[in-house]
PDB file of N, CA and C in Angstrom:
ATOM      1  N   MET A   1      20.246  18.866  70.801  1.00  0.00           N
ATOM      2  CA  MET A   1      18.943  18.536  71.296  1.00  0.00           C
ATOM      3  C   MET A   1      19.098  17.606  72.490  1.00  0.00           C
ATOM      4  N   VAL A   2      18.226  17.785  73.447  1.00  0.00           N
ATOM      5  CA  VAL A   2      18.254  17.002  74.678  1.00  0.00           C
ATOM      6  C   VAL A   2      16.859  16.439  74.930  1.00  0.00           C
ATOM      7  N   VAL A   3      16.801  15.194  75.345  1.00  0.00           N
ATOM      8  CA  VAL A   3      15.550  14.589  75.795  1.00  0.00           C
ATOM      9  C   VAL A   3      15.629  14.549  77.310  1.00  0.00           C
ATOM     10  N   SER A   4      14.694  15.223  77.963  1.00  0.00           N
ATOM     11  CA  SER A   4      14.747  15.291  79.420  1.00  0.00           C
ATOM     12  C   SER A   4      13.366  15.590  79.988  1.00  0.00           C
ATOM     13  N   LEU A   5      13.317  15.647  81.300  1.00  0.00           N
ATOM     14  CA  LEU A   5      12.088  16.058  81.964  1.00  0.00           C
ATOM     15  C   LEU A   5      12.060  17.574  81.980  1.00  0.00           C
ATOM     16  N   ALA A   6      10.975  18.139  81.480  1.00  0.00           N
ATOM     17  CA  ALA A   6      10.863  19.595  81.370  1.00  0.00           C
ATOM     18  C   ALA A   6      10.864  20.262  82.741  1.00  0.00           C
ATOM     19  N   LYS A   7      11.429  21.459  82.766  1.00  0.00           N
ATOM     20  CA  LYS A   7      11.357  22.285  83.974  1.00  0.00           C
ATOM     21  C   LYS A   7      10.028  23.040  84.011  1.00  0.00           C
ATOM     22  N   GLY A   8       9.442  23.243  82.821  1.00  0.00           N
ATOM     23  CA  GLY A   8       8.170  23.955  82.729  1.00  0.00           C
ATOM     24  C   GLY A   8       8.316  25.368  82.191  1.00  0.00           C
ATOM     25  N   ASP A   9       9.558  25.797  81.943  1.00  0.00           N
ATOM     26  CA  ASP A   9       9.770  27.156  81.433  1.00  0.00           C
ATOM     27  C   ASP A   9      10.263  27.175  79.983  1.00  0.00           C
ATOM     28  N   GLU A  10      10.153  26.034  79.309  1.00  0.00           N
ATOM     29  CA  GLU A  10      10.617  25.914  77.930  1.00  0.00           C
ATOM     30  C   GLU A  10       9.501  26.370  76.973  1.00  0.00           C
ATOM     31  N   PRO A  11       9.703  27.454  76.216  1.00  0.00           N
ATOM     32  CA  PRO A  11       8.656  27.896  75.295  1.00  0.00           C
ATOM     33  C   PRO A  11       8.393  26.849  74.213  1.00  0.00           C
ATOM     34  N   PHE A  12       7.133  26.664  73.885  1.00  0.00           N
ATOM     35  CA  PHE A  12       6.715  25.668  72.908  1.00  0.00           C
ATOM     36  C   PHE A  12       5.573  26.245  72.072  1.00  0.00           C
ATOM     37  N   LEU A  13       5.817  26.402  70.769  1.00  0.00           N
ATOM     38  CA  LEU A  13       4.765  26.847  69.853  1.00  0.00           C
ATOM     39  C   LEU A  13       4.238  25.608  69.153  1.00  0.00           C
ATOM     40  N   PRO A  14       2.974  25.221  69.407  1.00  0.00           N
ATOM     41  CA  PRO A  14       2.430  24.005  68.790  1.00  0.00           C
ATOM     42  C   PRO A  14       2.451  24.081  67.264  1.00  0.00           C
ATOM     43  N   LEU A  15       2.468  22.929  66.640  1.00  0.00           N
ATOM     44  CA  LEU A  15       2.445  22.838  65.185  1.00  0.00           C
ATOM     45  C   LEU A  15       1.275  23.659  64.645  1.00  0.00           C
ATOM     46  N   TYR A  16       1.571  24.618  63.775  1.00  0.00           N
ATOM     47  CA  TYR A  16       0.604  25.541  63.180  1.00  0.00           C
ATOM     48  C   TYR A  16      -0.121  26.386  64.219  1.00  0.00           C
ATOM     49  N   GLY A  17       0.443  26.489  65.415  1.00  0.00           N
ATOM     50  CA  GLY A  17      -0.180  27.269  66.480  1.00  0.00           C
ATOM     51  C   GLY A  17       0.181  28.739  66.404  1.00  0.00           C
ATOM     52  N   LYS A  18      -0.512  29.518  67.202  1.00  0.00           N
ATOM     53  CA  LYS A  18      -0.291  30.960  67.255  1.00  0.00           C
ATOM     54  C   LYS A  18       0.159  31.421  68.646  1.00  0.00           C
ATOM     55  N   GLU A  19      -0.122  30.590  69.661  1.00  0.00           N
ATOM     56  CA  GLU A  19       0.212  30.986  71.020  1.00  0.00           C
ATOM     57  C   GLU A  19       1.213  30.009  71.641  1.00  0.00           C
ATOM     58  N   VAL A  20       2.215  30.585  72.300  1.00  0.00           N
ATOM     59  CA  VAL A  20       3.246  29.786  72.964  1.00  0.00           C
ATOM     60  C   VAL A  20       2.645  29.119  74.201  1.00  0.00           C
ATOM     61  N   GLU A  21       2.996  27.854  74.396  1.00  0.00           N
ATOM     62  CA  GLU A  21       2.616  27.087  75.582  1.00  0.00           C
ATOM     63  C   GLU A  21       3.895  26.702  76.311  1.00  0.00           C
ATOM     64  N   TYR A  22       3.730  26.097  77.464  1.00  0.00           N
ATOM     65  CA  TYR A  22       4.867  25.604  78.235  1.00  0.00           C
ATOM     66  C   TYR A  22       4.547  24.193  78.720  1.00  0.00           C
ATOM     67  N   PRO A  23       5.501  23.270  78.638  1.00  0.00           N
ATOM     68  CA  PRO A  23       5.237  21.915  79.142  1.00  0.00           C
ATOM     69  C   PRO A  23       5.057  21.936  80.651  1.00  0.00           C
ATOM     70  N   LYS A  24       4.382  20.923  81.145  1.00  0.00           N
ATOM     71  CA  LYS A  24       4.257  20.773  82.591  1.00  0.00           C
ATOM     72  C   LYS A  24       5.597  20.314  83.150  1.00  0.00           C
ATOM     73  N   PRO A  25       5.982  20.787  84.332  1.00  0.00           N
ATOM     74  CA  PRO A  25       7.219  20.289  84.935  1.00  0.00           C
ATOM     75  C   PRO A  25       7.180  18.762  85.056  1.00  0.00           C
ATOM     76  N   GLY A  26       8.262  18.124  84.635  1.00  0.00           N
ATOM     77  CA  GLY A  26       8.348  16.671  84.687  1.00  0.00           C
ATOM     78  C   GLY A  26       7.884  15.973  83.426  1.00  0.00           C
ATOM     79  N   GLU A  27       7.296  16.705  82.498  1.00  0.00           N
ATOM     80  CA  GLU A  27       6.850  16.133  81.216  1.00  0.00           C
ATOM     81  C   GLU A  27       8.072  15.851  80.342  1.00  0.00           C
ATOM     82  N   VAL A  28       8.087  14.734  79.645  1.00  0.00           N
ATOM     83  CA  VAL A  28       9.206  14.421  78.757  1.00  0.00           C
ATOM     84  C   VAL A  28       9.143  15.356  77.557  1.00  0.00           C
ATOM     85  N   ALA A  29      10.266  16.029  77.274  1.00  0.00           N
ATOM     86  CA  ALA A  29      10.325  16.981  76.173  1.00  0.00           C
ATOM     87  C   ALA A  29      11.658  16.873  75.447  1.00  0.00           C
ATOM     88  N   PHE A  30      11.613  17.126  74.146  1.00  0.00           N
ATOM     89  CA  PHE A  30      12.822  17.262  73.335  1.00  0.00           C
ATOM     90  C   PHE A  30      13.068  18.761  73.263  1.00  0.00           C
ATOM     91  N   THR A  31      14.222  19.225  73.714  1.00  0.00           N
ATOM     92  CA  THR A  31      14.492  20.657  73.771  1.00  0.00           C
ATOM     93  C   THR A  31      15.830  21.001  73.128  1.00  0.00           C
ATOM     94  N   ASP A  32      15.963  22.287  72.791  1.00  0.00           N
ATOM     95  CA  ASP A  32      17.250  22.833  72.377  1.00  0.00           C
ATOM     96  C   ASP A  32      17.404  24.169  73.083  1.00  0.00           C
ATOM     97  N   ASP A  33      18.354  24.984  72.662  1.00  0.00           N
ATOM     98  CA  ASP A  33      18.610  26.250  73.341  1.00  0.00           C
ATOM     99  C   ASP A  33      17.460  27.243  73.243  1.00  0.00           C
ATOM    100  N   GLU A  34      16.549  27.036  72.278  1.00  0.00           N
ATOM    101  CA  GLU A  34      15.435  27.969  72.089  1.00  0.00           C
ATOM    102  C   GLU A  34      14.149  27.538  72.776  1.00  0.00           C
ATOM    103  N   GLY A  35      14.072  26.286  73.236  1.00  0.00           N
ATOM    104  CA  GLY A  35      12.852  25.832  73.898  1.00  0.00           C
ATOM    105  C   GLY A  35      12.516  24.405  73.528  1.00  0.00           C
ATOM    106  N   ALA A  36      11.247  24.054  73.646  1.00  0.00           N
ATOM    107  CA  ALA A  36      10.798  22.684  73.398  1.00  0.00           C
ATOM    108  C   ALA A  36      10.490  22.472  71.919  1.00  0.00           C
ATOM    109  N   LEU A  37      11.038  21.391  71.363  1.00  0.00           N
ATOM    110  CA  LEU A  37      10.763  20.994  69.981  1.00  0.00           C
ATOM    111  C   LEU A  37       9.585  20.029  69.918  1.00  0.00           C
ATOM    112  N   SER A  38       9.424  19.261  70.970  1.00  0.00           N
ATOM    113  CA  SER A  38       8.250  18.392  71.097  1.00  0.00           C
ATOM    114  C   SER A  38       7.979  18.189  72.580  1.00  0.00           C
ATOM    115  N   ARG A  39       6.747  17.799  72.860  1.00  0.00           N
ATOM    116  CA  ARG A  39       6.327  17.547  74.238  1.00  0.00           C
ATOM    117  C   ARG A  39       5.650  16.189  74.309  1.00  0.00           C
ATOM    118  N   ARG A  40       5.531  15.691  75.544  1.00  0.00           N
ATOM    119  CA  ARG A  40       4.886  14.395  75.757  1.00  0.00           C
ATOM    120  C   ARG A  40       5.532  13.363  74.845  1.00  0.00           C
ATOM    121  N   TRP A  41       6.851  13.232  75.033  1.00  0.00           N
ATOM    122  CA  TRP A  41       7.694  12.477  74.114  1.00  0.00           C
ATOM    123  C   TRP A  41       7.610  13.187  72.780  1.00  0.00           C
ATOM    124  N   THR A  42       7.026  12.603  71.766  1.00  0.00           N
ATOM    125  CA  THR A  42       6.876  13.329  70.497  1.00  0.00           C
ATOM    126  C   THR A  42       5.412  13.427  70.076  1.00  0.00           C
ATOM    127  N   TRP A  43       4.504  13.293  71.017  1.00  0.00           N
ATOM    128  CA  TRP A  43       3.083  13.380  70.687  1.00  0.00           C
ATOM    129  C   TRP A  43       2.668  14.789  70.328  1.00  0.00           C
ATOM    130  N   ARG A  44       3.374  15.793  70.834  1.00  0.00           N
ATOM    131  CA  ARG A  44       3.062  17.186  70.525  1.00  0.00           C
ATOM    132  C   ARG A  44       4.275  17.798  69.837  1.00  0.00           C
ATOM    133  N   GLN A  45       4.148  18.115  68.566  1.00  0.00           N
ATOM    134  CA  GLN A  45       5.248  18.664  67.773  1.00  0.00           C
ATOM    135  C   GLN A  45       5.187  20.190  67.749  1.00  0.00           C
ATOM    136  N   SER A  46       6.349  20.819  67.674  1.00  0.00           N
ATOM    137  CA  SER A  46       6.398  22.277  67.597  1.00  0.00           C
ATOM    138  C   SER A  46       6.389  22.740  66.145  1.00  0.00           C
ATOM    139  N   ASP A  47       5.902  23.935  65.954  1.00  0.00           N
ATOM    140  CA  ASP A  47       5.891  24.507  64.616  1.00  0.00           C
ATOM    141  C   ASP A  47       7.311  24.748  64.121  1.00  0.00           C
ATOM    142  N   ARG A  48       8.197  25.067  65.046  1.00  0.00           N
ATOM    143  CA  ARG A  48       9.590  25.353  64.696  1.00  0.00           C
ATOM    144  C   ARG A  48      10.305  24.129  64.139  1.00  0.00           C
ATOM    145  N   ALA A  49       9.858  22.929  64.494  1.00  0.00           N
ATOM    146  CA  ALA A  49      10.544  21.707  64.084  1.00  0.00           C
ATOM    147  C   ALA A  49       9.853  20.984  62.925  1.00  0.00           C
ATOM    148  N   LYS A  50       8.852  21.599  62.320  1.00  0.00           N
ATOM    149  CA  LYS A  50       8.128  20.907  61.245  1.00  0.00           C
ATOM    150  C   LYS A  50       8.969  20.813  59.974  1.00  0.00           C
ATOM    151  N   SER A  51       8.668  19.811  59.170  1.00  0.00           N
ATOM    152  CA  SER A  51       9.317  19.642  57.867  1.00  0.00           C
ATOM    153  C   SER A  51       8.546  20.419  56.825  1.00  0.00           C
ATOM    154  N   THR A  52       9.273  20.999  55.897  1.00  0.00           N
ATOM    155  CA  THR A  52       8.677  21.738  54.781  1.00  0.00           C
ATOM    156  C   THR A  52       9.376  21.301  53.494  1.00  0.00           C
ATOM    157  N   PRO A  53       8.903  21.744  52.338  1.00  0.00           N
ATOM    158  CA  PRO A  53       9.610  21.399  51.102  1.00  0.00           C
ATOM    159  C   PRO A  53      11.070  21.876  51.075  1.00  0.00           C
ATOM    160  N   LYS A  54      11.425  22.829  51.923  1.00  0.00           N
ATOM    161  CA  LYS A  54      12.801  23.333  51.986  1.00  0.00           C
ATOM    162  C   LYS A  54      13.675  22.550  52.966  1.00  0.00           C
ATOM    163  N   THR A  55      13.107  21.579  53.672  1.00  0.00           N
ATOM    164  CA  THR A  55      13.857  20.799  54.656  1.00  0.00           C
ATOM    165  C   THR A  55      14.891  19.918  53.953  1.00  0.00           C
ATOM    166  N   HIS A  56      16.141  20.013  54.408  1.00  0.00           N
ATOM    167  CA  HIS A  56      17.223  19.195  53.854  1.00  0.00           C
ATOM    168  C   HIS A  56      17.743  18.178  54.860  1.00  0.00           C
ATOM    169  N   ASN A  57      17.583  18.465  56.139  1.00  0.00           N
ATOM    170  CA  ASN A  57      18.014  17.569  57.196  1.00  0.00           C
ATOM    171  C   ASN A  57      16.864  17.402  58.182  1.00  0.00           C
ATOM    172  N   ALA A  58      16.673  16.200  58.659  1.00  0.00           N
ATOM    173  CA  ALA A  58      15.585  15.950  59.601  1.00  0.00           C
ATOM    174  C   ALA A  58      16.020  14.924  60.633  1.00  0.00           C
ATOM    175  N   LEU A  59      15.490  15.059  61.813  1.00  0.00           N
ATOM    176  CA  LEU A  59      15.677  14.069  62.862  1.00  0.00           C
ATOM    177  C   LEU A  59      14.334  13.380  63.049  1.00  0.00           C
ATOM    178  N   LEU A  60      14.295  12.086  62.814  1.00  0.00           N
ATOM    179  CA  LEU A  60      13.087  11.295  62.998  1.00  0.00           C
ATOM    180  C   LEU A  60      13.317  10.387  64.195  1.00  0.00           C
ATOM    181  N   THR A  61      12.325  10.254  65.041  1.00  0.00           N
ATOM    182  CA  THR A  61      12.508   9.443  66.241  1.00  0.00           C
ATOM    183  C   THR A  61      11.572   8.243  66.252  1.00  0.00           C
ATOM    184  N   VAL A  62      12.058   7.183  66.846  1.00  0.00           N
ATOM    185  CA  VAL A  62      11.268   5.988  67.133  1.00  0.00           C
ATOM    186  C   VAL A  62      11.433   5.779  68.631  1.00  0.00           C
ATOM    187  N   GLU A  63      10.347   5.654  69.332  1.00  0.00           N
ATOM    188  CA  GLU A  63      10.416   5.530  70.785  1.00  0.00           C
ATOM    189  C   GLU A  63       9.858   4.196  71.239  1.00  0.00           C
ATOM    190  N   GLY A  64      10.536   3.607  72.170  1.00  0.00           N
ATOM    191  CA  GLY A  64      10.051   2.370  72.786  1.00  0.00           C
ATOM    192  C   GLY A  64       9.920   2.591  74.276  1.00  0.00           C
ATOM    193  N   VAL A  65       8.712   2.717  74.758  1.00  0.00           N
ATOM    194  CA  VAL A  65       8.484   2.928  76.186  1.00  0.00           C
ATOM    195  C   VAL A  65       7.619   1.794  76.734  1.00  0.00           C
ATOM    196  N   ASN A  66       7.567   1.714  78.027  1.00  0.00           N
ATOM    197  CA  ASN A  66       6.783   0.689  78.728  1.00  0.00           C
ATOM    198  C   ASN A  66       7.261  -0.708  78.346  1.00  0.00           C
ATOM    199  N   ASP A  67       6.407  -1.525  77.751  1.00  0.00           N
ATOM    200  CA  ASP A  67       6.746  -2.925  77.490  1.00  0.00           C
ATOM    201  C   ASP A  67       7.229  -3.195  76.066  1.00  0.00           C
ATOM    202  N   ILE A  68       7.589  -2.180  75.329  1.00  0.00           N
ATOM    203  CA  ILE A  68       8.074  -2.375  73.963  1.00  0.00           C
ATOM    204  C   ILE A  68       9.513  -2.886  74.032  1.00  0.00           C
ATOM    205  N   THR A  69       9.783  -3.980  73.339  1.00  0.00           N
ATOM    206  CA  THR A  69      11.117  -4.591  73.413  1.00  0.00           C
ATOM    207  C   THR A  69      12.120  -3.858  72.535  1.00  0.00           C
ATOM    208  N   ARG A  70      13.379  -4.040  72.861  1.00  0.00           N
ATOM    209  CA  ARG A  70      14.459  -3.469  72.046  1.00  0.00           C
ATOM    210  C   ARG A  70      14.378  -3.992  70.617  1.00  0.00           C
ATOM    211  N   ASP A  71      14.067  -5.292  70.453  1.00  0.00           N
ATOM    212  CA  ASP A  71      13.941  -5.861  69.108  1.00  0.00           C
ATOM    213  C   ASP A  71      12.849  -5.155  68.308  1.00  0.00           C
ATOM    214  N   ALA A  72      11.738  -4.841  68.946  1.00  0.00           N
ATOM    215  CA  ALA A  72      10.647  -4.138  68.261  1.00  0.00           C
ATOM    216  C   ALA A  72      11.078  -2.728  67.852  1.00  0.00           C
ATOM    217  N   VAL A  73      11.821  -2.055  68.707  1.00  0.00           N
ATOM    218  CA  VAL A  73      12.320  -0.714  68.377  1.00  0.00           C
ATOM    219  C   VAL A  73      13.294  -0.790  67.204  1.00  0.00           C
ATOM    220  N   GLU A  74      14.211  -1.742  67.243  1.00  0.00           N
ATOM    221  CA  GLU A  74      15.177  -1.896  66.153  1.00  0.00           C
ATOM    222  C   GLU A  74      14.478  -2.240  64.843  1.00  0.00           C
ATOM    223  N   ALA A  75      13.441  -3.069  64.880  1.00  0.00           N
ATOM    224  CA  ALA A  75      12.683  -3.397  63.664  1.00  0.00           C
ATOM    225  C   ALA A  75      11.983  -2.155  63.120  1.00  0.00           C
ATOM    226  N   ALA A  76      11.440  -1.334  63.998  1.00  0.00           N
ATOM    227  CA  ALA A  76      10.790  -0.103  63.561  1.00  0.00           C
ATOM    228  C   ALA A  76      11.798   0.862  62.941  1.00  0.00           C
ATOM    229  N   ILE A  77      12.988   0.950  63.537  1.00  0.00           N
ATOM    230  CA  ILE A  77      14.046   1.806  62.983  1.00  0.00           C
ATOM    231  C   ILE A  77      14.433   1.315  61.591  1.00  0.00           C
ATOM    232  N   GLU A  78      14.637   0.017  61.442  1.00  0.00           N
ATOM    233  CA  GLU A  78      15.009  -0.536  60.134  1.00  0.00           C
ATOM    234  C   GLU A  78      13.944  -0.242  59.083  1.00  0.00           C
ATOM    235  N   GLU A  79      12.679  -0.359  59.453  1.00  0.00           N
ATOM    236  CA  GLU A  79      11.597  -0.054  58.507  1.00  0.00           C
ATOM    237  C   GLU A  79      11.585   1.425  58.152  1.00  0.00           C
ATOM    238  N   LEU A  80      11.752   2.292  59.144  1.00  0.00           N
ATOM    239  CA  LEU A  80      11.779   3.731  58.889  1.00  0.00           C
ATOM    240  C   LEU A  80      12.943   4.102  57.985  1.00  0.00           C
ATOM    241  N   VAL A  81      14.124   3.574  58.248  1.00  0.00           N
ATOM    242  CA  VAL A  81      15.300   3.846  57.413  1.00  0.00           C
ATOM    243  C   VAL A  81      15.034   3.410  55.978  1.00  0.00           C
ATOM    244  N   SER A  82      14.454   2.244  55.806  1.00  0.00           N
ATOM    245  CA  SER A  82      14.135   1.733  54.466  1.00  0.00           C
ATOM    246  C   SER A  82      13.169   2.658  53.737  1.00  0.00           C
ATOM    247  N   LEU A  83      12.137   3.121  54.423  1.00  0.00           N
ATOM    248  CA  LEU A  83      11.144   3.999  53.800  1.00  0.00           C
ATOM    249  C   LEU A  83      11.736   5.370  53.448  1.00  0.00           C
ATOM    250  N   VAL A  84      12.564   5.896  54.336  1.00  0.00           N
ATOM    251  CA  VAL A  84      13.199   7.192  54.054  1.00  0.00           C
ATOM    252  C   VAL A  84      14.096   7.073  52.831  1.00  0.00           C
ATOM    253  N   ARG A  85      14.889   6.029  52.773  1.00  0.00           N
ATOM    254  CA  ARG A  85      15.762   5.837  51.606  1.00  0.00           C
ATOM    255  C   ARG A  85      14.945   5.666  50.329  1.00  0.00           C
ATOM    256  N   GLU A  86      13.857   4.901  50.391  1.00  0.00           N
ATOM    257  CA  GLU A  86      13.031   4.641  49.210  1.00  0.00           C
ATOM    258  C   GLU A  86      12.333   5.901  48.702  1.00  0.00           C
ATOM    259  N   TYR A  87      11.794   6.703  49.598  1.00  0.00           N
ATOM    260  CA  TYR A  87      10.975   7.840  49.182  1.00  0.00           C
ATOM    261  C   TYR A  87      11.690   9.186  49.188  1.00  0.00           C
ATOM    262  N   ASN A  88      12.803   9.304  49.926  1.00  0.00           N
ATOM    263  CA  ASN A  88      13.482  10.595  50.031  1.00  0.00           C
ATOM    264  C   ASN A  88      14.912  10.584  49.529  1.00  0.00           C
ATOM    265  N   GLY A  89      15.534   9.417  49.492  1.00  0.00           N
ATOM    266  CA  GLY A  89      16.938   9.354  49.088  1.00  0.00           C
ATOM    267  C   GLY A  89      17.836   9.996  50.128  1.00  0.00           C
ATOM    268  N   GLY A  90      19.064  10.226  49.746  1.00  0.00           N
ATOM    269  CA  GLY A  90      20.008  10.867  50.640  1.00  0.00           C
ATOM    270  C   GLY A  90      20.600   9.907  51.644  1.00  0.00           C
ATOM    271  N   ALA A  91      21.392  10.459  52.525  1.00  0.00           N
ATOM    272  CA  ALA A  91      22.068   9.671  53.555  1.00  0.00           C
ATOM    273  C   ALA A  91      21.176   9.538  54.779  1.00  0.00           C
ATOM    274  N   VAL A  92      21.223   8.375  55.390  1.00  0.00           N
ATOM    275  CA  VAL A  92      20.464   8.120  56.610  1.00  0.00           C
ATOM    276  C   VAL A  92      21.433   7.605  57.664  1.00  0.00           C
ATOM    277  N   TYR A  93      21.466   8.255  58.801  1.00  0.00           N
ATOM    278  CA  TYR A  93      22.278   7.831  59.925  1.00  0.00           C
ATOM    279  C   TYR A  93      21.333   7.558  61.083  1.00  0.00           C
ATOM    280  N   TRP A  94      21.591   6.497  61.809  1.00  0.00           N
ATOM    281  CA  TRP A  94      20.735   6.240  62.960  1.00  0.00           C
ATOM    282  C   TRP A  94      21.560   5.758  64.135  1.00  0.00           C
ATOM    283  N   SER A  95      20.991   5.954  65.299  1.00  0.00           N
ATOM    284  CA  SER A  95      21.630   5.535  66.535  1.00  0.00           C
ATOM    285  C   SER A  95      20.535   5.169  67.524  1.00  0.00           C
ATOM    286  N   LEU A  96      20.819   4.231  68.377  1.00  0.00           N
ATOM    287  CA  LEU A  96      19.880   3.834  69.414  1.00  0.00           C
ATOM    288  C   LEU A  96      20.365   4.414  70.738  1.00  0.00           C
ATOM    289  N   VAL A  97      19.521   5.199  71.365  1.00  0.00           N
ATOM    290  CA  VAL A  97      19.836   5.817  72.656  1.00  0.00           C
ATOM    291  C   VAL A  97      18.984   5.124  73.710  1.00  0.00           C
ATOM    292  N   ASP A  98      19.632   4.706  74.785  1.00  0.00           N
ATOM    293  CA  ASP A  98      18.895   4.073  75.879  1.00  0.00           C
ATOM    294  C   ASP A  98      19.548   4.448  77.206  1.00  0.00           C
ATOM    295  N   HIS A  99      19.075   3.846  78.275  1.00  0.00           N
ATOM    296  CA  HIS A  99      19.580   4.167  79.607  1.00  0.00           C
ATOM    297  C   HIS A  99      21.092   3.999  79.700  1.00  0.00           C
ATOM    298  N   ASP A 100      21.619   2.953  79.095  1.00  0.00           N
ATOM    299  CA  ASP A 100      23.056   2.686  79.155  1.00  0.00           C
ATOM    300  C   ASP A 100      23.867   3.466  78.128  1.00  0.00           C
ATOM    301  N   HIS A 101      23.206   4.023  77.143  1.00  0.00           N
ATOM    302  CA  HIS A 101      23.837   4.814  76.075  1.00  0.00           C
ATOM    303  C   HIS A 101      23.006   6.083  75.887  1.00  0.00           C
ATOM    304  N   PRO A 102      23.166   7.075  76.780  1.00  0.00           N
ATOM    305  CA  PRO A 102      22.246   8.212  76.810  1.00  0.00           C
ATOM    306  C   PRO A 102      22.450   9.300  75.761  1.00  0.00           C
ATOM    307  N   TRP A 103      23.449   9.170  74.918  1.00  0.00           N
ATOM    308  CA  TRP A 103      23.609  10.199  73.883  1.00  0.00           C
ATOM    309  C   TRP A 103      24.172   9.573  72.619  1.00  0.00           C
ATOM    310  N   ALA A 104      24.005  10.307  71.514  1.00  0.00           N
ATOM    311  CA  ALA A 104      24.506   9.833  70.228  1.00  0.00           C
ATOM    312  C   ALA A 104      25.094  10.993  69.456  1.00  0.00           C
ATOM    313  N   MET A 105      26.117  10.709  68.701  1.00  0.00           N
ATOM    314  CA  MET A 105      26.731  11.700  67.826  1.00  0.00           C
ATOM    315  C   MET A 105      26.382  11.317  66.402  1.00  0.00           C
ATOM    316  N   MET A 106      25.775  12.221  65.678  1.00  0.00           N
ATOM    317  CA  MET A 106      25.433  11.944  64.280  1.00  0.00           C
ATOM    318  C   MET A 106      26.568  12.417  63.392  1.00  0.00           C
ATOM    319  N   GLU A 107      26.773  11.705  62.301  1.00  0.00           N
ATOM    320  CA  GLU A 107      27.847  12.047  61.365  1.00  0.00           C
ATOM    321  C   GLU A 107      27.548  13.319  60.620  1.00  0.00           C
TER     322      GLU A 107
END
């Protein structure tokens, strides 16, 4: 998965949608080889990336844009990790990606 500025040709099926859309060029999108998984950062989720009762692995994101501090992002990540462990169990791996660290490898 890549977080980048969309070219505008990435197919995107909205959550529970029936018709494919395309992000605007320059819009922040999470994409993979098949198209956009989310648009407008993660404000618009794709149907292909939704969680279901059969979901065993999930990628959850916490975003800090504009004036949100790194400490606030880290606190939100810690809270999310705690809630996932409490309500879902299993292993939780997290990484912080920023301008100086643009990618992460998950275990």
